[in-house]
Amino acid sequence: MAIYIFHPTETAHRRADGIGFVVAEGGSEAAARAAAGNMIGAPGIDAWAAVPVDPGMDPVAVQGLPVGKPGNATWPQRTRADRALNA
């Protein structure tokens, strides 16, 4: 399975909740995009760019803390507004 990073490249595609970077795994870009979109809920990320996580990719930094879906064992589960994703 491949890992993809999704992010908006246009100001008009930014989300009001501040989520602007999602990492997801899938058998294809479409499957990873669907998993990412399901996690964060509406509005989705249909217009966001997809970057495959491959050897040699440019390093990247993201402002703020990571937030995972409720029940995950890896990432914090609450946003800055103390909400769960897709809630």
Protein backbone atom coordinates (compact mmCIF):
# COMPACT_ATOMS: atom_id res chain seq x y z
CA MET A 1 0.00 0.00 0.00
CA ALA A 2 1.12 3.52 -0.73
CA ILE A 3 1.15 6.52 1.59
CA TYR A 4 -0.02 9.94 0.41
CA ILE A 5 -0.04 13.43 1.83
CA PHE A 6 -2.97 15.65 0.84
CA HIS A 7 -2.92 19.45 1.09
CA PRO A 8 -4.68 22.43 -0.49
CA THR A 9 -2.74 24.33 -3.12
CA GLU A 10 -5.35 27.06 -3.61
CA THR A 11 -6.61 29.44 -0.93
CA ALA A 12 -10.19 28.68 -1.99
CA HIS A 13 -9.68 25.02 -1.07
CA ARG A 14 -8.59 25.65 2.51
CA ARG A 15 -10.85 24.44 5.28
CA ALA A 16 -12.32 26.80 7.86
CA ASP A 17 -11.35 24.40 10.66
CA GLY A 18 -7.65 24.83 9.85
CA ILE A 19 -7.00 21.26 8.74
CA GLY A 20 -4.62 21.59 5.82
CA PHE A 21 -2.48 18.43 5.83
CA VAL A 22 -3.65 14.81 5.91
CA VAL A 23 -1.55 11.64 5.64
CA ALA A 24 -3.32 8.45 4.58
CA GLU A 25 -2.50 5.00 3.24
CA GLY A 26 -4.36 3.17 0.48
CA GLY A 27 -4.06 0.71 -2.36
CA SER A 28 -4.36 3.70 -4.71
CA GLU A 29 -4.42 7.48 -4.48
CA ALA A 30 -8.21 7.37 -4.70
CA ALA A 31 -8.45 4.90 -1.82
CA ALA A 32 -6.10 6.95 0.36
CA ARG A 33 -8.02 10.13 -0.51
CA ALA A 34 -11.30 8.44 0.45
CA ALA A 35 -9.85 7.30 3.79
CA ALA A 36 -8.51 10.80 4.49
CA GLY A 37 -11.77 12.47 3.51
CA ASN A 38 -13.77 10.06 5.67
CA MET A 39 -11.59 10.87 8.67
CA ILE A 40 -11.92 14.65 8.48
CA GLY A 41 -15.49 14.84 7.19
CA ALA A 42 -17.02 17.61 5.10
CA PRO A 43 -15.89 19.63 3.35
CA GLY A 44 -13.79 16.98 1.71
CA ILE A 45 -10.41 17.14 0.05
CA ASP A 46 -11.39 16.41 -3.54
CA ALA A 47 -9.50 19.46 -4.86
CA TRP A 48 -6.40 18.98 -2.73
CA ALA A 49 -3.04 17.94 -4.20
CA ALA A 50 -1.75 14.45 -3.50
CA VAL A 51 1.94 13.86 -2.80
CA PRO A 52 3.17 10.26 -2.61
CA VAL A 53 5.50 9.59 0.31
CA ASP A 54 8.48 8.11 -1.49
CA PRO A 55 12.22 7.85 -0.85
CA GLY A 56 13.93 11.12 -1.71
CA MET A 57 10.87 13.31 -1.19
CA ASP A 58 11.43 16.85 0.08
CA PRO A 59 11.15 17.26 3.86
CA VAL A 60 8.05 19.02 5.14
CA ALA A 61 6.95 20.65 8.39
CA VAL A 62 3.39 21.27 9.54
CA GLN A 63 2.40 23.96 12.05
CA GLY A 64 0.38 22.72 14.98
CA LEU A 65 -0.16 19.28 16.46
CA PRO A 66 -1.22 16.19 14.53
CA VAL A 67 -4.76 14.93 15.16
CA GLY A 68 -5.91 11.40 14.39
CA LYS A 69 -9.33 9.86 14.27
CA PRO A 70 -11.00 8.90 17.55
CA GLY A 71 -9.80 5.59 18.96
CA ASN A 72 -6.40 5.60 17.21
CA ALA A 73 -3.37 4.63 19.31
CA THR A 74 -0.79 6.85 17.57
CA TRP A 75 -1.91 10.49 17.41
CA PRO A 76 -3.64 12.97 19.71
CA GLN A 77 -7.41 12.66 19.20
CA ARG A 78 -8.64 16.23 19.85
CA THR A 79 -8.31 19.37 17.74
CA ARG A 80 -7.30 22.81 19.06
CA ALA A 81 -11.03 23.41 19.60
CA ASP A 82 -11.17 20.20 21.72
CA ARG A 83 -13.26 18.42 19.10
CA ALA A 84 -12.85 14.99 17.51
CA LEU A 85 -12.35 14.76 13.76
CA ASN A 86 -15.47 14.04 11.71
CA ALA A 87 -17.63 14.79 14.75
